[in-house]
Amino acid sequence: MAKETVKKILVIENKAETRKLFLSCLKAEGFHAISAENGAIAVQRAQQELPDLIISEVLLPKLDGFKVLTALRQNPATAIIPFIFVTAKVSRTDIRKGMELGADDYITKPCTLDELLKAIAARLQRQAILQTLYGAAPTSVTENPSGDSCGASRTNAGTPRGKTSTDTFLYSGSKNLEVASAKRSFSPNSIMKSDEPQSILPNDPELREVFRFIEANYNQQITLSNVAEAVGYSPAYLTNLVRRQTGQTVQGWIIERRMAAARSLLLETNHRVEEIAAQVGYFHTVHFFRQFRQYHGTTPQAWRRTQLAQYKAQYKQEQQNG
């Protein structure tokens, strides 16, 4: 068996004592830990080092953590690096802003080492599954939210994130697209519906009402507070409960469900991406583009083209073999 590559983690923290503590703990756990003491240096280091994961404070000199995240999400080389905020900035508005900008998790200080390591493990595992299963399919262009080609090369056209050891998914995989009858000529409308079911949410009895609410309302403008109110928990308690049970945040599961619905609509309809964004709960199309690229490594249009091309090639092969 090949030796597993040591994962590189960038720690962005302006307080020297805290930064050294993070580095020491991560190195003790076998990670290659590097650091940056302010936001400007952090952006440079991330672009130069291309870490496997980034941990960041929000309150930083030069550039705050939100601006660092925004800069990295706009750069194709760093757009899909898992990003976790570990911060003392704990208001509900701050947490929501971090998640909307594309953070993968938001942990408030003080936190335990175990809590941090579980969050890191969950993000790295998801990233590894995505790269292993779907990372090889290239696309030749990227597009801006208006749909125009930008002429830049991108790789890692992915499909859904995969199953983790802490999650029980009701997900069977959109890669298992059925092939249309060999007697039928190929067209986008001849694609069979994907095997991706109505929900990829965890089948956890303790969280059944939580995920029922998300399933029924993911295509609306719902937030953590809406979910918490519906199930009778405080937002803080619900956040900790869901993260402990699944390794994922409530907002993360809302996004997962929206991405699954978006993939189905991209494959099964000819709707414009702007229409699909609205249908799965995004008020701003640019927000949908950002999160789709974070999850799949490419734009919705490029993902749709890649999947259609793969299906067409598969259909052609079936015709030749038949």
C-alpha atoms as a PDB file:
ATOM      1  CA  MET A   1       0.000   0.000   0.000  1.00  0.00           C
ATOM      2  CA  ALA A   2       1.313   3.425  -0.929  1.00  0.00           C
ATOM      3  CA  LYS A   3       2.269   5.698   1.933  1.00  0.00           C
ATOM      4  CA  GLU A   4      -0.345   8.347   2.602  1.00  0.00           C
ATOM      5  CA  THR A   5       0.794  11.871   1.788  1.00  0.00           C
ATOM      6  CA  VAL A   6       1.230  14.128   4.803  1.00  0.00           C
ATOM      7  CA  LYS A   7      -1.466  16.796   4.719  1.00  0.00           C
ATOM      8  CA  LYS A   8      -0.393  20.429   4.734  1.00  0.00           C
ATOM      9  CA  ILE A   9      -2.433  22.819   6.875  1.00  0.00           C
ATOM     10  CA  LEU A  10      -2.092  26.599   6.836  1.00  0.00           C
ATOM     11  CA  VAL A  11      -2.830  28.282  10.174  1.00  0.00           C
ATOM     12  CA  ILE A  12      -3.746  31.984   9.937  1.00  0.00           C
ATOM     13  CA  GLU A  13      -3.543  33.552  13.390  1.00  0.00           C
ATOM     14  CA  ASN A  14      -2.169  36.907  14.457  1.00  0.00           C
ATOM     15  CA  LYS A  15      -1.520  36.057  18.123  1.00  0.00           C
ATOM     16  CA  ALA A  16       1.895  34.410  18.322  1.00  0.00           C
ATOM     17  CA  GLU A  17       1.130  32.258  21.355  1.00  0.00           C
ATOM     18  CA  THR A  18      -2.083  30.888  19.868  1.00  0.00           C
ATOM     19  CA  ARG A  19      -0.413  30.368  16.495  1.00  0.00           C
ATOM     20  CA  LYS A  20       2.425  28.373  18.068  1.00  0.00           C
ATOM     21  CA  LEU A  21      -0.072  26.280  20.023  1.00  0.00           C
ATOM     22  CA  PHE A  22      -1.991  25.411  16.852  1.00  0.00           C
ATOM     23  CA  LEU A  23       1.217  24.545  14.990  1.00  0.00           C
ATOM     24  CA  SER A  24       2.497  22.392  17.839  1.00  0.00           C
ATOM     25  CA  CYS A  25      -0.744  20.441  18.167  1.00  0.00           C
ATOM     26  CA  LEU A  26      -1.098  19.876  14.419  1.00  0.00           C
ATOM     27  CA  LYS A  27       2.506  18.737  14.038  1.00  0.00           C
ATOM     28  CA  ALA A  28       2.009  16.338  16.952  1.00  0.00           C
ATOM     29  CA  GLU A  29      -0.915  14.835  15.034  1.00  0.00           C
ATOM     30  CA  GLY A  30       1.276  14.248  11.976  1.00  0.00           C
ATOM     31  CA  PHE A  31       0.295  17.235   9.849  1.00  0.00           C
ATOM     32  CA  HIS A  32       2.697  19.523   7.991  1.00  0.00           C
ATOM     33  CA  ALA A  33       1.664  22.811   9.593  1.00  0.00           C
ATOM     34  CA  ILE A  34       2.615  26.221   8.238  1.00  0.00           C
ATOM     35  CA  SER A  35       1.436  29.643   9.357  1.00  0.00           C
ATOM     36  CA  ALA A  36       0.748  33.266   8.532  1.00  0.00           C
ATOM     37  CA  GLU A  37       0.377  36.121  11.024  1.00  0.00           C
ATOM     38  CA  ASN A  38      -1.829  38.423   8.950  1.00  0.00           C
ATOM     39  CA  GLY A  39      -4.320  38.265   6.115  1.00  0.00           C
ATOM     40  CA  ALA A  40      -2.069  39.638   3.381  1.00  0.00           C
ATOM     41  CA  ILE A  41       0.681  37.105   4.089  1.00  0.00           C
ATOM     42  CA  ALA A  42      -1.953  34.379   4.374  1.00  0.00           C
ATOM     43  CA  VAL A  43      -3.242  34.930   0.842  1.00  0.00           C
ATOM     44  CA  GLN A  44       0.316  34.821  -0.531  1.00  0.00           C
ATOM     45  CA  ARG A  45       1.213  31.672   1.410  1.00  0.00           C
ATOM     46  CA  ALA A  46      -1.973  29.911   0.369  1.00  0.00           C
ATOM     47  CA  GLN A  47      -1.323  30.656  -3.295  1.00  0.00           C
ATOM     48  CA  GLN A  48       2.332  29.597  -3.052  1.00  0.00           C
ATOM     49  CA  GLU A  49       1.968  26.541  -0.799  1.00  0.00           C
ATOM     50  CA  LEU A  50      -1.498  25.308  -1.898  1.00  0.00           C
ATOM     51  CA  PRO A  51      -2.273  23.684   1.470  1.00  0.00           C
ATOM     52  CA  ASP A  52      -4.734  20.842   1.834  1.00  0.00           C
ATOM     53  CA  LEU A  53      -6.732  22.803   4.399  1.00  0.00           C
ATOM     54  CA  ILE A  54      -6.770  26.272   5.964  1.00  0.00           C
ATOM     55  CA  ILE A  55      -7.605  27.288   9.536  1.00  0.00           C
ATOM     56  CA  SER A  56      -8.143  31.000  10.087  1.00  0.00           C
ATOM     57  CA  GLU A  57      -9.064  33.601  12.663  1.00  0.00           C
ATOM     58  CA  VAL A  58     -11.474  36.279  11.458  1.00  0.00           C
ATOM     59  CA  LEU A  59      -9.850  39.130  13.384  1.00  0.00           C
ATOM     60  CA  LEU A  60      -6.625  39.644  11.460  1.00  0.00           C
ATOM     61  CA  PRO A  61      -4.448  42.645  10.548  1.00  0.00           C
ATOM     62  CA  LYS A  62      -3.977  43.735   6.903  1.00  0.00           C
ATOM     63  CA  LEU A  63      -6.900  41.636   5.639  1.00  0.00           C
ATOM     64  CA  ASP A  64      -9.523  40.123   7.936  1.00  0.00           C
ATOM     65  CA  GLY A  65     -10.468  36.468   7.647  1.00  0.00           C
ATOM     66  CA  PHE A  66     -13.551  37.176   5.557  1.00  0.00           C
ATOM     67  CA  LYS A  67     -11.482  39.060   2.977  1.00  0.00           C
ATOM     68  CA  VAL A  68      -8.884  36.280   2.978  1.00  0.00           C
ATOM     69  CA  LEU A  69     -11.591  33.704   2.271  1.00  0.00           C
ATOM     70  CA  THR A  70     -13.094  35.862  -0.478  1.00  0.00           C
ATOM     71  CA  ALA A  71      -9.695  36.282  -2.165  1.00  0.00           C
ATOM     72  CA  LEU A  72      -8.984  32.554  -2.052  1.00  0.00           C
ATOM     73  CA  ARG A  73     -12.415  31.558  -3.366  1.00  0.00           C
ATOM     74  CA  GLN A  74     -11.926  33.883  -6.349  1.00  0.00           C
ATOM     75  CA  ASN A  75      -8.609  32.266  -7.314  1.00  0.00           C
ATOM     76  CA  PRO A  76      -9.004  28.992  -9.294  1.00  0.00           C
ATOM     77  CA  ALA A  77      -5.880  27.549  -7.637  1.00  0.00           C
ATOM     78  CA  THR A  78      -7.273  27.975  -4.124  1.00  0.00           C
ATOM     79  CA  ALA A  79     -11.034  28.065  -4.695  1.00  0.00           C
ATOM     80  CA  ILE A  80     -11.823  24.604  -3.339  1.00  0.00           C
ATOM     81  CA  ILE A  81      -9.313  24.338  -0.481  1.00  0.00           C
ATOM     82  CA  PRO A  82     -11.312  23.468   2.672  1.00  0.00           C
ATOM     83  CA  PHE A  83     -11.457  26.530   4.924  1.00  0.00           C
ATOM     84  CA  ILE A  84     -12.319  26.483   8.641  1.00  0.00           C
ATOM     85  CA  PHE A  85     -12.756  29.566  10.774  1.00  0.00           C
ATOM     86  CA  VAL A  86     -11.560  29.158  14.376  1.00  0.00           C
ATOM     87  CA  THR A  87     -12.336  32.504  15.896  1.00  0.00           C
ATOM     88  CA  ALA A  88     -13.459  34.590  18.838  1.00  0.00           C
ATOM     89  CA  LYS A  89     -15.812  36.521  16.547  1.00  0.00           C
ATOM     90  CA  VAL A  90     -18.965  34.650  17.484  1.00  0.00           C
ATOM     91  CA  SER A  91     -22.061  36.690  16.670  1.00  0.00           C
ATOM     92  CA  ARG A  92     -24.791  35.049  14.628  1.00  0.00           C
ATOM     93  CA  THR A  93     -24.173  37.590  11.853  1.00  0.00           C
ATOM     94  CA  ASP A  94     -20.465  36.705  11.734  1.00  0.00           C
ATOM     95  CA  ILE A  95     -21.137  32.975  11.565  1.00  0.00           C
ATOM     96  CA  ARG A  96     -23.690  33.417   8.803  1.00  0.00           C
ATOM     97  CA  LYS A  97     -21.363  35.702   6.849  1.00  0.00           C
ATOM     98  CA  GLY A  98     -18.530  33.167   7.058  1.00  0.00           C
ATOM     99  CA  MET A  99     -20.711  30.334   5.781  1.00  0.00           C
ATOM    100  CA  GLU A 100     -22.189  32.462   2.987  1.00  0.00           C
ATOM    101  CA  LEU A 101     -18.695  33.389   1.802  1.00  0.00           C
ATOM    102  CA  GLY A 102     -17.905  29.704   1.415  1.00  0.00           C
ATOM    103  CA  ALA A 103     -16.332  28.624   4.712  1.00  0.00           C
ATOM    104  CA  ASP A 104     -16.563  24.887   5.309  1.00  0.00           C
ATOM    105  CA  ASP A 105     -16.912  25.200   9.068  1.00  0.00           C
ATOM    106  CA  TYR A 106     -16.998  27.861  11.781  1.00  0.00           C
ATOM    107  CA  ILE A 107     -15.645  26.945  15.221  1.00  0.00           C
ATOM    108  CA  THR A 108     -15.787  29.412  18.074  1.00  0.00           C
ATOM    109  CA  LYS A 109     -12.997  29.963  20.582  1.00  0.00           C
ATOM    110  CA  PRO A 110     -12.296  28.542  23.010  1.00  0.00           C
ATOM    111  CA  CYS A 111     -12.480  25.113  21.409  1.00  0.00           C
ATOM    112  CA  THR A 112     -11.004  21.771  22.345  1.00  0.00           C
ATOM    113  CA  LEU A 113      -8.294  20.050  20.337  1.00  0.00           C
ATOM    114  CA  ASP A 114     -10.654  17.125  19.795  1.00  0.00           C
ATOM    115  CA  GLU A 115     -13.305  19.410  18.297  1.00  0.00           C
ATOM    116  CA  LEU A 116     -10.769  20.972  15.951  1.00  0.00           C
ATOM    117  CA  LEU A 117      -9.291  17.631  14.869  1.00  0.00           C
ATOM    118  CA  LYS A 118     -12.753  16.203  14.150  1.00  0.00           C
ATOM    119  CA  ALA A 119     -13.584  19.187  11.963  1.00  0.00           C
ATOM    120  CA  ILE A 120     -10.252  18.861  10.126  1.00  0.00           C
ATOM    121  CA  ALA A 121     -10.715  15.116   9.612  1.00  0.00           C
ATOM    122  CA  ALA A 122     -14.233  15.582   8.244  1.00  0.00           C
ATOM    123  CA  ARG A 123     -13.114  18.229   5.722  1.00  0.00           C
ATOM    124  CA  LEU A 124     -10.029  16.332   4.576  1.00  0.00           C
ATOM    125  CA  GLN A 125     -11.989  13.122   4.186  1.00  0.00           C
ATOM    126  CA  ARG A 126     -14.615  14.797   2.038  1.00  0.00           C
ATOM    127  CA  GLN A 127     -11.975  16.476  -0.071  1.00  0.00           C
ATOM    128  CA  ALA A 128     -10.107  13.196  -0.565  1.00  0.00           C
ATOM    129  CA  ILE A 129     -13.255  11.376  -1.657  1.00  0.00           C
ATOM    130  CA  LEU A 130     -14.150  14.159  -4.080  1.00  0.00           C
ATOM    131  CA  GLN A 131     -10.672  14.133  -5.627  1.00  0.00           C
ATOM    132  CA  THR A 132     -10.424  10.331  -5.758  1.00  0.00           C
ATOM    133  CA  LEU A 133     -13.829   9.668  -7.288  1.00  0.00           C
ATOM    134  CA  TYR A 134     -14.364  12.712  -9.460  1.00  0.00           C
ATOM    135  CA  GLY A 135     -11.166  14.698  -9.652  1.00  0.00           C
ATOM    136  CA  ALA A 136      -9.899  13.389 -12.973  1.00  0.00           C
ATOM    137  CA  ALA A 137     -12.497  14.829 -15.327  1.00  0.00           C
ATOM    138  CA  PRO A 138     -11.116  18.058 -16.838  1.00  0.00           C
ATOM    139  CA  THR A 139     -12.906  21.001 -18.300  1.00  0.00           C
ATOM    140  CA  SER A 140     -11.350  23.433 -20.688  1.00  0.00           C
ATOM    141  CA  VAL A 141     -12.896  26.739 -19.671  1.00  0.00           C
ATOM    142  CA  THR A 142     -14.353  28.556 -16.737  1.00  0.00           C
ATOM    143  CA  GLU A 143     -17.251  30.892 -16.923  1.00  0.00           C
ATOM    144  CA  ASN A 144     -18.397  33.909 -15.017  1.00  0.00           C
ATOM    145  CA  PRO A 145     -21.882  34.118 -13.509  1.00  0.00           C
ATOM    146  CA  SER A 146     -23.241  35.694 -16.691  1.00  0.00           C
ATOM    147  CA  GLY A 147     -22.323  32.540 -18.574  1.00  0.00           C
ATOM    148  CA  ASP A 148     -19.517  33.984 -20.694  1.00  0.00           C
ATOM    149  CA  SER A 149     -16.288  32.054 -21.080  1.00  0.00           C
ATOM    150  CA  CYS A 150     -13.289  33.495 -19.311  1.00  0.00           C
ATOM    151  CA  GLY A 151     -10.740  31.469 -21.247  1.00  0.00           C
ATOM    152  CA  ALA A 152      -9.005  30.066 -18.157  1.00  0.00           C
ATOM    153  CA  SER A 153      -8.186  26.383 -17.805  1.00  0.00           C
ATOM    154  CA  ARG A 154      -9.654  24.394 -14.905  1.00  0.00           C
ATOM    155  CA  THR A 155      -9.621  20.827 -13.735  1.00  0.00           C
ATOM    156  CA  ASN A 156     -11.431  18.740 -11.133  1.00  0.00           C
ATOM    157  CA  ALA A 157     -14.899  18.755 -12.617  1.00  0.00           C
ATOM    158  CA  GLY A 158     -16.581  16.832  -9.855  1.00  0.00           C
ATOM    159  CA  THR A 159     -19.957  15.507  -8.937  1.00  0.00           C
ATOM    160  CA  PRO A 160     -21.350  15.059  -5.459  1.00  0.00           C
ATOM    161  CA  ARG A 161     -19.313  14.867  -2.310  1.00  0.00           C
ATOM    162  CA  GLY A 162     -19.081  11.341  -1.029  1.00  0.00           C
ATOM    163  CA  LYS A 163     -19.875   9.322   2.050  1.00  0.00           C
ATOM    164  CA  THR A 164     -17.903   9.789   5.251  1.00  0.00           C
ATOM    165  CA  SER A 165     -17.427   7.438   8.160  1.00  0.00           C
ATOM    166  CA  THR A 166     -19.647   9.580  10.382  1.00  0.00           C
ATOM    167  CA  ASP A 167     -22.487  10.049   7.924  1.00  0.00           C
ATOM    168  CA  THR A 168     -25.163   7.623   6.756  1.00  0.00           C
ATOM    169  CA  PHE A 169     -26.265   8.917   3.376  1.00  0.00           C
ATOM    170  CA  LEU A 170     -29.413   8.063   1.467  1.00  0.00           C
ATOM    171  CA  TYR A 171     -27.306   8.701  -1.603  1.00  0.00           C
ATOM    172  CA  SER A 172     -26.583   6.161  -4.330  1.00  0.00           C
ATOM    173  CA  GLY A 173     -24.518   8.265  -6.688  1.00  0.00           C
ATOM    174  CA  SER A 174     -25.361  10.411  -9.687  1.00  0.00           C
ATOM    175  CA  LYS A 175     -22.505   8.777 -11.592  1.00  0.00           C
ATOM    176  CA  ASN A 176     -24.790   5.783 -12.127  1.00  0.00           C
ATOM    177  CA  LEU A 177     -26.771   7.395 -14.903  1.00  0.00           C
ATOM    178  CA  GLU A 178     -28.848   4.882 -16.815  1.00  0.00           C
ATOM    179  CA  VAL A 179     -28.116   4.529 -20.509  1.00  0.00           C
ATOM    180  CA  ALA A 180     -30.969   5.221 -22.870  1.00  0.00           C
ATOM    181  CA  SER A 181     -32.204   2.562 -25.212  1.00  0.00           C
ATOM    182  CA  ALA A 182     -29.777   1.804 -28.037  1.00  0.00           C
ATOM    183  CA  LYS A 183     -32.589   2.406 -30.487  1.00  0.00           C
ATOM    184  CA  ARG A 184     -32.918   6.010 -29.367  1.00  0.00           C
ATOM    185  CA  SER A 185     -30.778   8.733 -30.962  1.00  0.00           C
ATOM    186  CA  PHE A 186     -28.776  10.855 -28.557  1.00  0.00           C
ATOM    187  CA  SER A 187     -30.016  14.224 -27.424  1.00  0.00           C
ATOM    188  CA  PRO A 188     -29.810  16.053 -24.109  1.00  0.00           C
ATOM    189  CA  ASN A 189     -33.494  15.329 -23.542  1.00  0.00           C
ATOM    190  CA  SER A 190     -32.895  11.579 -23.911  1.00  0.00           C
ATOM    191  CA  ILE A 191     -30.890  11.417 -20.691  1.00  0.00           C
ATOM    192  CA  MET A 192     -32.512   9.191 -18.125  1.00  0.00           C
ATOM    193  CA  LYS A 193     -33.144  10.675 -14.735  1.00  0.00           C
ATOM    194  CA  SER A 194     -30.173  10.270 -12.420  1.00  0.00           C
ATOM    195  CA  ASP A 195     -30.272   7.721  -9.645  1.00  0.00           C
ATOM    196  CA  GLU A 196     -29.628  10.525  -7.175  1.00  0.00           C
ATOM    197  CA  PRO A 197     -32.611  10.340  -4.815  1.00  0.00           C
ATOM    198  CA  GLN A 198     -34.635  13.145  -3.373  1.00  0.00           C
ATOM    199  CA  SER A 199     -32.372  13.383  -0.347  1.00  0.00           C
ATOM    200  CA  ILE A 200     -28.727  12.845   0.510  1.00  0.00           C
ATOM    201  CA  LEU A 201     -29.341  13.838   4.115  1.00  0.00           C
ATOM    202  CA  PRO A 202     -28.256  11.555   6.967  1.00  0.00           C
ATOM    203  CA  ASN A 203     -30.723   8.964   8.233  1.00  0.00           C
ATOM    204  CA  ASP A 204     -30.178   9.757  11.897  1.00  0.00           C
ATOM    205  CA  PRO A 205     -33.170   9.093  14.215  1.00  0.00           C
ATOM    206  CA  GLU A 206     -32.083  11.764  16.694  1.00  0.00           C
ATOM    207  CA  LEU A 207     -31.996  14.373  13.924  1.00  0.00           C
ATOM    208  CA  ARG A 208     -34.996  13.193  11.911  1.00  0.00           C
ATOM    209  CA  GLU A 209     -37.033  16.359  12.417  1.00  0.00           C
ATOM    210  CA  VAL A 210     -34.044  18.546  11.591  1.00  0.00           C
ATOM    211  CA  PHE A 211     -33.501  16.898   8.236  1.00  0.00           C
ATOM    212  CA  ARG A 212     -37.207  16.673   7.479  1.00  0.00           C
ATOM    213  CA  PHE A 213     -37.390  20.443   7.824  1.00  0.00           C
ATOM    214  CA  ILE A 214     -34.334  20.935   5.612  1.00  0.00           C
ATOM    215  CA  GLU A 215     -35.755  18.550   3.016  1.00  0.00           C
ATOM    216  CA  ALA A 216     -39.054  20.411   2.931  1.00  0.00           C
ATOM    217  CA  ASN A 217     -37.536  23.896   2.848  1.00  0.00           C
ATOM    218  CA  TYR A 218     -34.041  23.766   1.307  1.00  0.00           C
ATOM    219  CA  ASN A 219     -35.334  25.617  -1.764  1.00  0.00           C
ATOM    220  CA  GLN A 220     -36.403  28.549   0.401  1.00  0.00           C
ATOM    221  CA  GLN A 221     -34.272  31.213   2.097  1.00  0.00           C
ATOM    222  CA  ILE A 222     -33.818  29.177   5.289  1.00  0.00           C
ATOM    223  CA  THR A 223     -31.132  29.713   7.904  1.00  0.00           C
ATOM    224  CA  LEU A 224     -29.826  27.945  10.989  1.00  0.00           C
ATOM    225  CA  SER A 225     -32.261  30.012  13.085  1.00  0.00           C
ATOM    226  CA  ASN A 226     -35.223  28.822  11.003  1.00  0.00           C
ATOM    227  CA  VAL A 227     -34.240  25.182  11.472  1.00  0.00           C
ATOM    228  CA  ALA A 228     -33.594  25.638  15.204  1.00  0.00           C
ATOM    229  CA  GLU A 229     -36.961  27.319  15.748  1.00  0.00           C
ATOM    230  CA  ALA A 230     -38.761  24.574  13.823  1.00  0.00           C
ATOM    231  CA  VAL A 231     -37.323  21.787  15.982  1.00  0.00           C
ATOM    232  CA  GLY A 232     -37.357  23.647  19.305  1.00  0.00           C
ATOM    233  CA  TYR A 233     -33.612  23.969  19.929  1.00  0.00           C
ATOM    234  CA  SER A 234     -31.393  26.981  20.346  1.00  0.00           C
ATOM    235  CA  PRO A 235     -29.157  27.663  17.317  1.00  0.00           C
ATOM    236  CA  ALA A 236     -25.999  27.045  19.388  1.00  0.00           C
ATOM    237  CA  TYR A 237     -27.248  23.719  20.769  1.00  0.00           C
ATOM    238  CA  LEU A 238     -28.460  22.560  17.360  1.00  0.00           C
ATOM    239  CA  THR A 239     -25.136  23.487  15.746  1.00  0.00           C
ATOM    240  CA  ASN A 240     -23.181  21.425  18.265  1.00  0.00           C
ATOM    241  CA  LEU A 241     -25.630  18.509  18.104  1.00  0.00           C
ATOM    242  CA  VAL A 242     -25.603  18.227  14.313  1.00  0.00           C
ATOM    243  CA  ARG A 243     -21.826  18.657  14.078  1.00  0.00           C
ATOM    244  CA  ARG A 244     -21.265  16.020  16.753  1.00  0.00           C
ATOM    245  CA  GLN A 245     -23.609  13.524  15.099  1.00  0.00           C
ATOM    246  CA  THR A 246     -22.610  14.085  11.464  1.00  0.00           C
ATOM    247  CA  GLY A 247     -19.328  16.007  11.305  1.00  0.00           C
ATOM    248  CA  GLN A 248     -21.154  18.709   9.341  1.00  0.00           C
ATOM    249  CA  THR A 249     -22.942  21.950  10.196  1.00  0.00           C
ATOM    250  CA  VAL A 250     -26.639  22.638   9.665  1.00  0.00           C
ATOM    251  CA  GLN A 251     -25.789  25.195   6.986  1.00  0.00           C
ATOM    252  CA  GLY A 252     -23.477  22.655   5.396  1.00  0.00           C
ATOM    253  CA  TRP A 253     -26.332  20.165   5.073  1.00  0.00           C
ATOM    254  CA  ILE A 254     -28.605  22.814   3.581  1.00  0.00           C
ATOM    255  CA  ILE A 255     -25.929  23.454   0.950  1.00  0.00           C
ATOM    256  CA  GLU A 256     -25.429  19.710   0.345  1.00  0.00           C
ATOM    257  CA  ARG A 257     -29.150  19.320  -0.345  1.00  0.00           C
ATOM    258  CA  ARG A 258     -29.219  22.335  -2.655  1.00  0.00           C
ATOM    259  CA  MET A 259     -26.230  21.009  -4.592  1.00  0.00           C
ATOM    260  CA  ALA A 260     -27.941  17.633  -5.071  1.00  0.00           C
ATOM    261  CA  ALA A 261     -31.056  19.340  -6.411  1.00  0.00           C
ATOM    262  CA  ALA A 262     -28.962  21.553  -8.679  1.00  0.00           C
ATOM    263  CA  ARG A 263     -27.150  18.544 -10.161  1.00  0.00           C
ATOM    264  CA  SER A 264     -30.447  16.869 -10.963  1.00  0.00           C
ATOM    265  CA  LEU A 265     -31.827  19.987 -12.628  1.00  0.00           C
ATOM    266  CA  LEU A 266     -28.637  20.523 -14.625  1.00  0.00           C
ATOM    267  CA  LEU A 267     -28.856  16.968 -15.975  1.00  0.00           C
ATOM    268  CA  GLU A 268     -32.588  16.587 -16.408  1.00  0.00           C
ATOM    269  CA  THR A 269     -33.674  19.996 -17.712  1.00  0.00           C
ATOM    270  CA  ASN A 270     -32.578  22.680 -20.138  1.00  0.00           C
ATOM    271  CA  HIS A 271     -33.163  25.426 -17.601  1.00  0.00           C
ATOM    272  CA  ARG A 272     -30.716  28.305 -17.477  1.00  0.00           C
ATOM    273  CA  VAL A 273     -28.323  28.265 -14.543  1.00  0.00           C
ATOM    274  CA  GLU A 274     -29.863  31.444 -13.148  1.00  0.00           C
ATOM    275  CA  GLU A 275     -33.258  29.706 -13.068  1.00  0.00           C
ATOM    276  CA  ILE A 276     -31.814  26.627 -11.386  1.00  0.00           C
ATOM    277  CA  ALA A 277     -30.128  28.784  -8.747  1.00  0.00           C
ATOM    278  CA  ALA A 278     -33.486  30.321  -7.843  1.00  0.00           C
ATOM    279  CA  GLN A 279     -35.222  26.928  -7.844  1.00  0.00           C
ATOM    280  CA  VAL A 280     -32.817  25.492  -5.261  1.00  0.00           C
ATOM    281  CA  GLY A 281     -32.918  28.416  -2.862  1.00  0.00           C
ATOM    282  CA  TYR A 282     -30.359  30.992  -3.986  1.00  0.00           C
ATOM    283  CA  PHE A 283     -31.486  34.607  -4.126  1.00  0.00           C
ATOM    284  CA  HIS A 284     -28.182  35.700  -5.692  1.00  0.00           C
ATOM    285  CA  THR A 285     -26.877  33.695  -8.651  1.00  0.00           C
ATOM    286  CA  VAL A 286     -23.271  34.632  -7.877  1.00  0.00           C
ATOM    287  CA  HIS A 287     -23.637  32.953  -4.469  1.00  0.00           C
ATOM    288  CA  PHE A 288     -24.793  29.771  -6.203  1.00  0.00           C
ATOM    289  CA  PHE A 289     -21.850  29.891  -8.607  1.00  0.00           C
ATOM    290  CA  ARG A 290     -19.401  30.307  -5.739  1.00  0.00           C
ATOM    291  CA  GLN A 291     -20.741  27.381  -3.739  1.00  0.00           C
ATOM    292  CA  PHE A 292     -21.136  25.119  -6.773  1.00  0.00           C
ATOM    293  CA  ARG A 293     -17.501  25.746  -7.755  1.00  0.00           C
ATOM    294  CA  GLN A 294     -16.404  25.092  -4.178  1.00  0.00           C
ATOM    295  CA  TYR A 295     -18.191  21.736  -4.128  1.00  0.00           C
ATOM    296  CA  HIS A 296     -17.447  20.545  -7.663  1.00  0.00           C
ATOM    297  CA  GLY A 297     -14.291  22.308  -8.762  1.00  0.00           C
ATOM    298  CA  THR A 298     -15.942  23.873 -11.786  1.00  0.00           C
ATOM    299  CA  THR A 299     -18.884  26.033 -12.843  1.00  0.00           C
ATOM    300  CA  PRO A 300     -22.440  24.713 -13.297  1.00  0.00           C
ATOM    301  CA  GLN A 301     -22.262  25.167 -17.085  1.00  0.00           C
ATOM    302  CA  ALA A 302     -18.935  23.346 -17.355  1.00  0.00           C
ATOM    303  CA  TRP A 303     -20.170  20.536 -15.083  1.00  0.00           C
ATOM    304  CA  ARG A 304     -23.291  20.127 -17.216  1.00  0.00           C
ATOM    305  CA  ARG A 305     -21.231  20.001 -20.442  1.00  0.00           C
ATOM    306  CA  THR A 306     -18.829  17.452 -18.983  1.00  0.00           C
ATOM    307  CA  GLN A 307     -21.633  15.176 -17.786  1.00  0.00           C
ATOM    308  CA  LEU A 308     -23.445  15.403 -21.137  1.00  0.00           C
ATOM    309  CA  ALA A 309     -20.213  14.670 -23.022  1.00  0.00           C
ATOM    310  CA  GLN A 310     -19.517  11.652 -20.815  1.00  0.00           C
ATOM    311  CA  TYR A 311     -23.029  10.373 -21.333  1.00  0.00           C
ATOM    312  CA  LYS A 312     -22.807  10.888 -25.088  1.00  0.00           C
ATOM    313  CA  ALA A 313     -19.513   8.964 -25.190  1.00  0.00           C
ATOM    314  CA  GLN A 314     -21.052   6.183 -23.129  1.00  0.00           C
ATOM    315  CA  TYR A 315     -24.063   6.034 -25.407  1.00  0.00           C
ATOM    316  CA  LYS A 316     -21.834   5.928 -28.490  1.00  0.00           C
ATOM    317  CA  GLN A 317     -19.843   3.063 -26.993  1.00  0.00           C
ATOM    318  CA  GLU A 318     -23.058   1.177 -26.284  1.00  0.00           C
ATOM    319  CA  GLN A 319     -24.106   1.667 -29.911  1.00  0.00           C
ATOM    320  CA  GLN A 320     -20.787   0.349 -31.193  1.00  0.00           C
ATOM    321  CA  ASN A 321     -20.810  -2.642 -28.836  1.00  0.00           C
ATOM    322  CA  GLY A 322     -24.436  -3.417 -29.638  1.00  0.00           C
END
